[in-house]
Amino acid sequence: MFGIIVISILFGIALTVILEFLTIRSGIVMTYPSRFNFEETAKMLTQAVTEAGFTLLSSEMLNGKLREKEVYLGSRIWLIKFYKAEYMGELLKERPCMACLMPHTVAVYETSKGSVEISRLNTGMIGKVMGAAARILGEKAFSDEKKILESVLVTHDNVS
């Protein structure tokens, strides 16, 4: 009887770990359809970043950088890298290891079907997983990123 209880508990723990892994894995990168073409989406998001009070580090086509190394992509990809000094300072004082997640990066890309999509890391989820970072990434930065994306998305309902 005791053996069945132990096996049941171990099975429950294993199942929980597997389900958590699959949930995190599927939700770590968020994608959204844009209602604009590629150029307009990249331009509008770049503008929205600065209007939201973030410092823009770069806004550039990834394809050109890769082409210099003789890597050719089938579709265009634009990267927008930015940060907010207040958030970065607060986060890195508490958790310097989180510097590997800086700066925030949003990608605008064309799909094989010709539509334009936007992707970003789910900073809300990362914040929850990383504990001390939850207040900064999970609340402040995640909320600001949602506002930035709203200007180009097909509907505002799908920003989560």
N, C-alpha and C. Protein backbone atom coordinates (compact mmCIF):
# COMPACT_ATOMS: atom_id res chain seq x y z
N MET A 1 0.82 -1.20 0.00
CA MET A 1 0.00 0.00 0.00
C MET A 1 0.86 1.27 0.00
N PHE A 2 1.91 1.26 0.89
CA PHE A 2 2.80 2.41 0.97
C PHE A 2 3.52 2.63 -0.36
N GLY A 3 3.90 1.55 -1.03
CA GLY A 3 4.58 1.62 -2.32
C GLY A 3 3.71 2.28 -3.38
N ILE A 4 2.42 1.99 -3.39
CA ILE A 4 1.49 2.58 -4.36
C ILE A 4 1.36 4.08 -4.12
N ILE A 5 1.33 4.49 -2.87
CA ILE A 5 1.23 5.92 -2.54
C ILE A 5 2.49 6.65 -3.01
N VAL A 6 3.66 6.08 -2.74
CA VAL A 6 4.92 6.70 -3.17
C VAL A 6 4.98 6.80 -4.68
N ILE A 7 4.62 5.73 -5.35
CA ILE A 7 4.63 5.73 -6.82
C ILE A 7 3.64 6.76 -7.35
N SER A 8 2.49 6.88 -6.76
CA SER A 8 1.48 7.86 -7.19
C SER A 8 2.00 9.29 -7.01
N ILE A 9 2.64 9.55 -5.88
CA ILE A 9 3.20 10.88 -5.63
C ILE A 9 4.30 11.19 -6.64
N LEU A 10 5.19 10.27 -6.87
CA LEU A 10 6.27 10.47 -7.84
C LEU A 10 5.72 10.68 -9.25
N PHE A 11 4.70 9.92 -9.59
CA PHE A 11 4.06 10.08 -10.91
C PHE A 11 3.44 11.48 -11.02
N GLY A 12 2.78 11.92 -9.96
CA GLY A 12 2.17 13.26 -9.96
C GLY A 12 3.20 14.36 -10.11
N ILE A 13 4.32 14.21 -9.41
CA ILE A 13 5.39 15.20 -9.51
C ILE A 13 5.96 15.22 -10.93
N ALA A 14 6.23 14.05 -11.48
CA ALA A 14 6.78 13.96 -12.84
C ALA A 14 5.82 14.57 -13.86
N LEU A 15 4.54 14.27 -13.73
CA LEU A 15 3.54 14.81 -14.64
C LEU A 15 3.47 16.34 -14.53
N THR A 16 3.53 16.86 -13.32
CA THR A 16 3.52 18.32 -13.11
C THR A 16 4.72 18.97 -13.76
N VAL A 17 5.90 18.40 -13.59
CA VAL A 17 7.11 18.95 -14.19
C VAL A 17 7.01 18.94 -15.71
N ILE A 18 6.53 17.86 -16.27
CA ILE A 18 6.40 17.77 -17.73
C ILE A 18 5.40 18.80 -18.25
N LEU A 19 4.26 18.94 -17.60
CA LEU A 19 3.25 19.91 -18.03
C LEU A 19 3.76 21.35 -17.91
N GLU A 20 4.47 21.65 -16.83
CA GLU A 20 5.05 22.99 -16.66
C GLU A 20 6.06 23.27 -17.77
N PHE A 21 6.90 22.31 -18.08
CA PHE A 21 7.89 22.47 -19.13
C PHE A 21 7.21 22.76 -20.47
N LEU A 22 6.18 22.00 -20.79
CA LEU A 22 5.47 22.19 -22.06
C LEU A 22 4.76 23.53 -22.10
N THR A 23 4.20 23.97 -20.99
CA THR A 23 3.51 25.27 -20.92
C THR A 23 4.50 26.40 -21.13
N ILE A 24 5.61 26.35 -20.42
CA ILE A 24 6.62 27.40 -20.55
C ILE A 24 7.19 27.40 -21.96
N ARG A 25 7.49 26.24 -22.48
CA ARG A 25 8.08 26.14 -23.81
C ARG A 25 7.17 26.74 -24.88
N SER A 26 5.88 26.48 -24.78
CA SER A 26 4.96 26.98 -25.81
C SER A 26 4.63 28.45 -25.62
N GLY A 27 4.85 29.00 -24.43
CA GLY A 27 4.46 30.37 -24.18
C GLY A 27 5.60 31.35 -24.06
N ILE A 28 6.83 30.92 -24.23
CA ILE A 28 7.97 31.79 -24.01
C ILE A 28 8.15 32.83 -25.12
N VAL A 29 7.75 32.49 -26.34
CA VAL A 29 7.79 33.44 -27.45
C VAL A 29 6.35 33.73 -27.87
N MET A 30 6.01 35.00 -27.88
CA MET A 30 4.66 35.41 -28.25
C MET A 30 4.68 35.98 -29.67
N THR A 31 3.69 35.62 -30.48
CA THR A 31 3.60 36.14 -31.84
C THR A 31 2.24 36.79 -32.05
N TYR A 32 2.24 37.82 -32.89
CA TYR A 32 1.03 38.57 -33.19
C TYR A 32 1.00 38.94 -34.66
N PRO A 33 -0.16 38.91 -35.28
CA PRO A 33 -0.25 39.39 -36.67
C PRO A 33 -0.32 40.92 -36.70
N SER A 34 0.34 41.50 -37.68
CA SER A 34 0.28 42.95 -37.86
C SER A 34 -0.80 43.28 -38.87
N ARG A 35 -1.40 44.44 -38.73
CA ARG A 35 -2.40 44.87 -39.71
C ARG A 35 -1.78 45.73 -40.81
N PHE A 36 -0.47 45.94 -40.74
CA PHE A 36 0.23 46.76 -41.72
C PHE A 36 1.25 45.92 -42.49
N ASN A 37 1.81 46.51 -43.55
CA ASN A 37 2.85 45.81 -44.29
C ASN A 37 4.15 45.82 -43.49
N PHE A 38 5.15 45.16 -44.00
CA PHE A 38 6.41 44.98 -43.29
C PHE A 38 7.05 46.32 -42.91
N GLU A 39 7.23 47.20 -43.89
CA GLU A 39 7.91 48.47 -43.64
C GLU A 39 7.14 49.33 -42.65
N GLU A 40 5.82 49.42 -42.84
CA GLU A 40 5.01 50.23 -41.93
C GLU A 40 5.05 49.69 -40.50
N THR A 41 5.00 48.38 -40.37
CA THR A 41 5.03 47.77 -39.04
C THR A 41 6.34 48.10 -38.34
N ALA A 42 7.46 47.91 -39.03
CA ALA A 42 8.77 48.20 -38.44
C ALA A 42 8.88 49.68 -38.06
N LYS A 43 8.42 50.55 -38.94
CA LYS A 43 8.51 51.99 -38.69
C LYS A 43 7.62 52.39 -37.51
N MET A 44 6.40 51.89 -37.48
CA MET A 44 5.46 52.27 -36.42
C MET A 44 5.92 51.73 -35.06
N LEU A 45 6.44 50.51 -35.02
CA LEU A 45 6.91 49.97 -33.75
C LEU A 45 8.14 50.72 -33.25
N THR A 46 9.03 51.07 -34.15
CA THR A 46 10.21 51.84 -33.76
C THR A 46 9.79 53.17 -33.16
N GLN A 47 8.82 53.81 -33.77
CA GLN A 47 8.31 55.08 -33.27
C GLN A 47 7.60 54.88 -31.92
N ALA A 48 6.81 53.82 -31.79
CA ALA A 48 6.08 53.55 -30.55
C ALA A 48 7.03 53.29 -29.39
N VAL A 49 8.17 52.68 -29.66
CA VAL A 49 9.17 52.41 -28.61
C VAL A 49 9.66 53.73 -28.01
N THR A 50 10.04 54.66 -28.86
CA THR A 50 10.55 55.94 -28.35
C THR A 50 9.44 56.76 -27.71
N GLU A 51 8.24 56.71 -28.26
CA GLU A 51 7.11 57.44 -27.67
C GLU A 51 6.73 56.89 -26.29
N ALA A 52 7.02 55.62 -26.05
CA ALA A 52 6.72 55.00 -24.76
C ALA A 52 7.82 55.29 -23.72
N GLY A 53 8.82 56.06 -24.11
CA GLY A 53 9.86 56.45 -23.17
C GLY A 53 11.03 55.48 -23.07
N PHE A 54 11.15 54.57 -24.02
CA PHE A 54 12.27 53.64 -24.03
C PHE A 54 13.42 54.23 -24.83
N THR A 55 14.62 53.78 -24.55
CA THR A 55 15.79 54.16 -25.33
C THR A 55 15.95 53.13 -26.45
N LEU A 56 15.99 53.61 -27.67
CA LEU A 56 16.14 52.75 -28.83
C LEU A 56 17.63 52.49 -29.07
N LEU A 57 18.02 51.23 -29.01
CA LEU A 57 19.42 50.87 -29.29
C LEU A 57 19.65 50.67 -30.77
N SER A 58 18.72 49.95 -31.40
CA SER A 58 18.84 49.75 -32.85
C SER A 58 17.49 49.33 -33.42
N SER A 59 17.35 49.62 -34.67
CA SER A 59 16.18 49.22 -35.43
C SER A 59 16.69 48.95 -36.84
N GLU A 60 16.85 47.66 -37.15
CA GLU A 60 17.53 47.34 -38.40
C GLU A 60 17.11 45.99 -38.97
N MET A 61 17.33 45.86 -40.24
CA MET A 61 17.04 44.63 -40.96
C MET A 61 18.11 43.59 -40.64
N LEU A 62 17.70 42.45 -40.16
CA LEU A 62 18.63 41.36 -39.84
C LEU A 62 19.22 40.75 -41.11
N ASN A 63 18.45 40.72 -42.17
CA ASN A 63 18.88 40.09 -43.42
C ASN A 63 20.21 40.63 -43.93
N GLY A 64 20.38 41.94 -43.86
CA GLY A 64 21.61 42.56 -44.35
C GLY A 64 22.82 42.10 -43.56
N LYS A 65 22.68 42.01 -42.25
CA LYS A 65 23.79 41.55 -41.40
C LYS A 65 24.16 40.10 -41.73
N LEU A 66 23.15 39.28 -41.93
CA LEU A 66 23.41 37.88 -42.25
C LEU A 66 23.98 37.72 -43.65
N ARG A 67 23.50 38.54 -44.58
CA ARG A 67 24.00 38.47 -45.95
C ARG A 67 25.50 38.74 -45.99
N GLU A 68 25.99 39.62 -45.10
CA GLU A 68 27.43 39.89 -45.02
C GLU A 68 28.21 38.62 -44.69
N LYS A 69 27.57 37.69 -44.02
CA LYS A 69 28.19 36.41 -43.65
C LYS A 69 27.75 35.27 -44.57
N GLU A 70 27.17 35.67 -45.70
CA GLU A 70 26.70 34.74 -46.73
C GLU A 70 25.61 33.78 -46.23
N VAL A 71 24.75 34.32 -45.40
CA VAL A 71 23.56 33.59 -44.94
C VAL A 71 22.36 34.33 -45.52
N TYR A 72 21.52 33.60 -46.27
CA TYR A 72 20.40 34.24 -46.95
C TYR A 72 19.09 33.67 -46.43
N LEU A 73 18.24 34.57 -45.98
CA LEU A 73 16.93 34.18 -45.46
C LEU A 73 15.89 34.30 -46.56
N GLY A 74 14.85 33.51 -46.47
CA GLY A 74 13.78 33.56 -47.46
C GLY A 74 12.84 34.73 -47.26
N SER A 75 12.76 35.23 -46.04
CA SER A 75 11.86 36.35 -45.76
C SER A 75 12.60 37.42 -44.96
N ARG A 76 12.03 38.61 -44.95
CA ARG A 76 12.67 39.72 -44.26
C ARG A 76 12.38 39.66 -42.75
N ILE A 77 13.39 40.05 -41.97
CA ILE A 77 13.26 40.12 -40.52
C ILE A 77 13.87 41.44 -40.06
N TRP A 78 13.10 42.20 -39.29
CA TRP A 78 13.53 43.48 -38.75
C TRP A 78 13.59 43.35 -37.24
N LEU A 79 14.69 43.75 -36.61
CA LEU A 79 14.83 43.69 -35.16
C LEU A 79 14.82 45.08 -34.56
N ILE A 80 14.05 45.26 -33.51
CA ILE A 80 13.99 46.52 -32.78
C ILE A 80 14.46 46.21 -31.36
N LYS A 81 15.58 46.83 -30.96
CA LYS A 81 16.16 46.59 -29.64
C LYS A 81 16.08 47.86 -28.82
N PHE A 82 15.57 47.72 -27.60
CA PHE A 82 15.33 48.89 -26.77
C PHE A 82 15.37 48.53 -25.28
N TYR A 83 15.46 49.56 -24.46
CA TYR A 83 15.42 49.35 -23.01
C TYR A 83 14.90 50.61 -22.33
N LYS A 84 14.50 50.45 -21.09
CA LYS A 84 14.14 51.58 -20.24
C LYS A 84 15.13 51.54 -19.09
N ALA A 85 15.94 52.59 -18.96
CA ALA A 85 17.01 52.62 -17.97
C ALA A 85 16.50 52.32 -16.56
N GLU A 86 15.35 52.86 -16.23
CA GLU A 86 14.77 52.65 -14.90
C GLU A 86 14.56 51.16 -14.63
N TYR A 87 13.96 50.46 -15.58
CA TYR A 87 13.70 49.02 -15.41
C TYR A 87 15.00 48.22 -15.39
N MET A 88 15.89 48.55 -16.34
CA MET A 88 17.13 47.81 -16.45
C MET A 88 17.96 47.96 -15.18
N GLY A 89 18.06 49.19 -14.68
CA GLY A 89 18.83 49.43 -13.47
C GLY A 89 18.26 48.68 -12.27
N GLU A 90 16.96 48.77 -12.10
CA GLU A 90 16.30 48.09 -10.98
C GLU A 90 16.49 46.58 -11.06
N LEU A 91 16.31 46.03 -12.24
CA LEU A 91 16.43 44.59 -12.43
C LEU A 91 17.86 44.11 -12.21
N LEU A 92 18.82 44.81 -12.81
CA LEU A 92 20.20 44.35 -12.75
C LEU A 92 20.84 44.56 -11.38
N LYS A 93 20.32 45.49 -10.59
CA LYS A 93 20.80 45.63 -9.21
C LYS A 93 20.43 44.40 -8.40
N GLU A 94 19.24 43.88 -8.66
CA GLU A 94 18.76 42.70 -7.94
C GLU A 94 19.32 41.41 -8.53
N ARG A 95 19.36 41.33 -9.85
CA ARG A 95 19.74 40.09 -10.53
C ARG A 95 20.65 40.39 -11.72
N PRO A 96 21.95 40.61 -11.49
CA PRO A 96 22.86 40.92 -12.60
C PRO A 96 22.86 39.87 -13.71
N CYS A 97 22.54 38.63 -13.36
CA CYS A 97 22.54 37.57 -14.38
C CYS A 97 21.48 37.81 -15.44
N MET A 98 20.48 38.64 -15.14
CA MET A 98 19.41 38.92 -16.09
C MET A 98 19.87 39.82 -17.24
N ALA A 99 21.10 40.28 -17.19
CA ALA A 99 21.62 41.12 -18.27
C ALA A 99 21.56 40.40 -19.61
N CYS A 100 21.56 39.07 -19.57
CA CYS A 100 21.49 38.31 -20.83
C CYS A 100 20.16 38.49 -21.54
N LEU A 101 19.16 39.00 -20.84
CA LEU A 101 17.86 39.25 -21.47
C LEU A 101 17.70 40.69 -21.94
N MET A 102 18.75 41.47 -21.81
CA MET A 102 18.69 42.87 -22.19
C MET A 102 19.43 43.07 -23.49
N PRO A 103 19.04 43.94 -24.31
CA PRO A 103 17.82 44.75 -24.24
C PRO A 103 16.61 43.96 -24.71
N HIS A 104 15.44 44.54 -24.53
CA HIS A 104 14.23 43.93 -25.09
C HIS A 104 14.38 43.92 -26.60
N THR A 105 13.92 42.87 -27.23
CA THR A 105 13.96 42.80 -28.69
C THR A 105 12.60 42.38 -29.21
N VAL A 106 12.12 43.12 -30.19
CA VAL A 106 10.88 42.77 -30.88
C VAL A 106 11.29 42.51 -32.33
N ALA A 107 10.77 41.42 -32.89
CA ALA A 107 11.07 41.08 -34.28
C ALA A 107 9.83 41.27 -35.14
N VAL A 108 10.02 41.88 -36.29
CA VAL A 108 8.97 41.99 -37.30
C VAL A 108 9.45 41.10 -38.45
N TYR A 109 8.60 40.21 -38.91
CA TYR A 109 9.03 39.29 -39.96
C TYR A 109 7.88 38.94 -40.90
N GLU A 110 8.27 38.52 -42.08
CA GLU A 110 7.30 38.06 -43.08
C GLU A 110 7.20 36.54 -42.98
N THR A 111 5.99 36.03 -43.03
CA THR A 111 5.79 34.58 -43.01
C THR A 111 5.87 34.04 -44.42
N SER A 112 5.92 32.73 -44.54
CA SER A 112 5.97 32.10 -45.86
C SER A 112 4.68 32.35 -46.64
N LYS A 113 3.61 32.73 -45.96
CA LYS A 113 2.33 33.03 -46.62
C LYS A 113 2.20 34.49 -47.00
N GLY A 114 3.24 35.29 -46.68
CA GLY A 114 3.24 36.70 -47.07
C GLY A 114 2.66 37.65 -46.04
N SER A 115 2.20 37.14 -44.91
CA SER A 115 1.68 38.04 -43.88
C SER A 115 2.85 38.56 -43.03
N VAL A 116 2.57 39.58 -42.25
CA VAL A 116 3.58 40.18 -41.39
C VAL A 116 3.21 39.88 -39.95
N GLU A 117 4.19 39.40 -39.20
CA GLU A 117 3.96 39.08 -37.79
C GLU A 117 5.03 39.73 -36.93
N ILE A 118 4.74 39.81 -35.66
CA ILE A 118 5.63 40.39 -34.67
C ILE A 118 5.85 39.32 -33.60
N SER A 119 7.09 39.22 -33.13
CA SER A 119 7.35 38.29 -32.04
C SER A 119 8.18 38.98 -30.97
N ARG A 120 8.05 38.45 -29.76
CA ARG A 120 8.81 38.95 -28.62
C ARG A 120 8.86 37.87 -27.55
N LEU A 121 9.80 38.00 -26.65
CA LEU A 121 9.84 37.11 -25.51
C LEU A 121 8.69 37.46 -24.57
N ASN A 122 8.14 36.48 -23.93
CA ASN A 122 7.08 36.70 -22.97
C ASN A 122 7.73 37.11 -21.65
N THR A 123 8.00 38.41 -21.52
CA THR A 123 8.67 38.90 -20.32
C THR A 123 7.82 38.68 -19.07
N GLY A 124 6.51 38.65 -19.24
CA GLY A 124 5.65 38.36 -18.10
C GLY A 124 5.92 36.97 -17.55
N MET A 125 6.03 35.99 -18.43
CA MET A 125 6.31 34.62 -18.00
C MET A 125 7.72 34.50 -17.44
N ILE A 126 8.68 35.13 -18.11
CA ILE A 126 10.06 35.07 -17.64
C ILE A 126 10.15 35.68 -16.24
N GLY A 127 9.46 36.80 -16.05
CA GLY A 127 9.46 37.45 -14.75
C GLY A 127 8.91 36.54 -13.66
N LYS A 128 7.85 35.83 -13.95
CA LYS A 128 7.26 34.93 -12.96
C LYS A 128 8.19 33.78 -12.63
N VAL A 129 8.87 33.25 -13.63
CA VAL A 129 9.78 32.13 -13.42
C VAL A 129 11.01 32.58 -12.65
N MET A 130 11.47 33.81 -12.87
CA MET A 130 12.70 34.28 -12.27
C MET A 130 12.52 34.91 -10.89
N GLY A 131 11.35 34.90 -10.34
CA GLY A 131 11.13 35.36 -8.97
C GLY A 131 11.29 36.86 -8.79
N ALA A 132 12.48 37.29 -8.39
CA ALA A 132 12.71 38.70 -8.07
C ALA A 132 12.44 39.60 -9.27
N ALA A 133 12.57 39.06 -10.45
CA ALA A 133 12.36 39.85 -11.66
C ALA A 133 10.88 40.05 -11.97
N ALA A 134 10.00 39.36 -11.27
CA ALA A 134 8.57 39.41 -11.58
C ALA A 134 8.02 40.82 -11.54
N ARG A 135 8.41 41.59 -10.57
CA ARG A 135 7.88 42.95 -10.42
C ARG A 135 8.28 43.83 -11.61
N ILE A 136 9.48 43.65 -12.10
CA ILE A 136 9.98 44.51 -13.17
C ILE A 136 9.56 43.98 -14.54
N LEU A 137 9.93 42.73 -14.83
CA LEU A 137 9.61 42.16 -16.14
C LEU A 137 8.14 41.78 -16.23
N GLY A 138 7.62 41.15 -15.19
CA GLY A 138 6.27 40.61 -15.23
C GLY A 138 5.18 41.66 -15.16
N GLU A 139 5.49 42.80 -14.59
CA GLU A 139 4.46 43.83 -14.47
C GLU A 139 4.78 45.06 -15.32
N LYS A 140 5.85 45.74 -15.00
CA LYS A 140 6.17 47.01 -15.66
C LYS A 140 6.50 46.84 -17.14
N ALA A 141 7.55 46.09 -17.45
CA ALA A 141 8.00 45.96 -18.84
C ALA A 141 6.96 45.28 -19.71
N PHE A 142 6.33 44.24 -19.21
CA PHE A 142 5.33 43.50 -19.98
C PHE A 142 4.18 44.41 -20.36
N SER A 143 3.72 45.22 -19.42
CA SER A 143 2.62 46.16 -19.68
C SER A 143 3.02 47.20 -20.73
N ASP A 144 4.23 47.74 -20.62
CA ASP A 144 4.70 48.72 -21.61
C ASP A 144 4.82 48.11 -22.99
N GLU A 145 5.34 46.89 -23.07
CA GLU A 145 5.48 46.22 -24.36
C GLU A 145 4.12 46.01 -25.02
N LYS A 146 3.12 45.67 -24.23
CA LYS A 146 1.77 45.50 -24.78
C LYS A 146 1.28 46.80 -25.41
N LYS A 147 1.51 47.92 -24.75
CA LYS A 147 1.08 49.22 -25.28
C LYS A 147 1.80 49.55 -26.59
N ILE A 148 3.08 49.22 -26.65
CA ILE A 148 3.86 49.48 -27.86
C ILE A 148 3.28 48.68 -29.03
N LEU A 149 2.95 47.43 -28.82
CA LEU A 149 2.46 46.56 -29.89
C LEU A 149 1.05 46.92 -30.36
N GLU A 150 0.24 47.50 -29.51
CA GLU A 150 -1.16 47.77 -29.86
C GLU A 150 -1.31 48.63 -31.11
N SER A 151 -0.32 49.45 -31.43
CA SER A 151 -0.45 50.34 -32.59
C SER A 151 -0.46 49.62 -33.92
N VAL A 152 0.02 48.37 -33.96
CA VAL A 152 0.14 47.69 -35.25
C VAL A 152 -0.61 46.37 -35.35
N LEU A 153 -1.19 45.90 -34.25
CA LEU A 153 -1.82 44.60 -34.28
C LEU A 153 -3.16 44.60 -34.98
N VAL A 154 -3.53 43.43 -35.46
CA VAL A 154 -4.82 43.26 -36.15
C VAL A 154 -5.95 43.65 -35.21
N THR A 155 -5.95 43.12 -33.99
CA THR A 155 -6.91 43.53 -32.98
C THR A 155 -6.17 43.71 -31.67
N HIS A 156 -6.67 44.58 -30.83
CA HIS A 156 -6.03 44.81 -29.54
C HIS A 156 -6.35 43.67 -28.57
N ASP A 157 -7.36 42.87 -28.86
CA ASP A 157 -7.77 41.79 -27.98
C ASP A 157 -6.71 40.70 -27.87
N ASN A 158 -5.86 40.57 -28.91
CA ASN A 158 -4.92 39.44 -28.89
C ASN A 158 -3.58 39.78 -28.28
N VAL A 159 -3.46 40.93 -27.63
CA VAL A 159 -2.23 41.27 -26.91
C VAL A 159 -2.39 40.74 -25.50
N SER A 160 -1.59 39.75 -25.16
CA SER A 160 -1.64 39.21 -23.80
C SER A 160 -0.27 39.06 -23.23
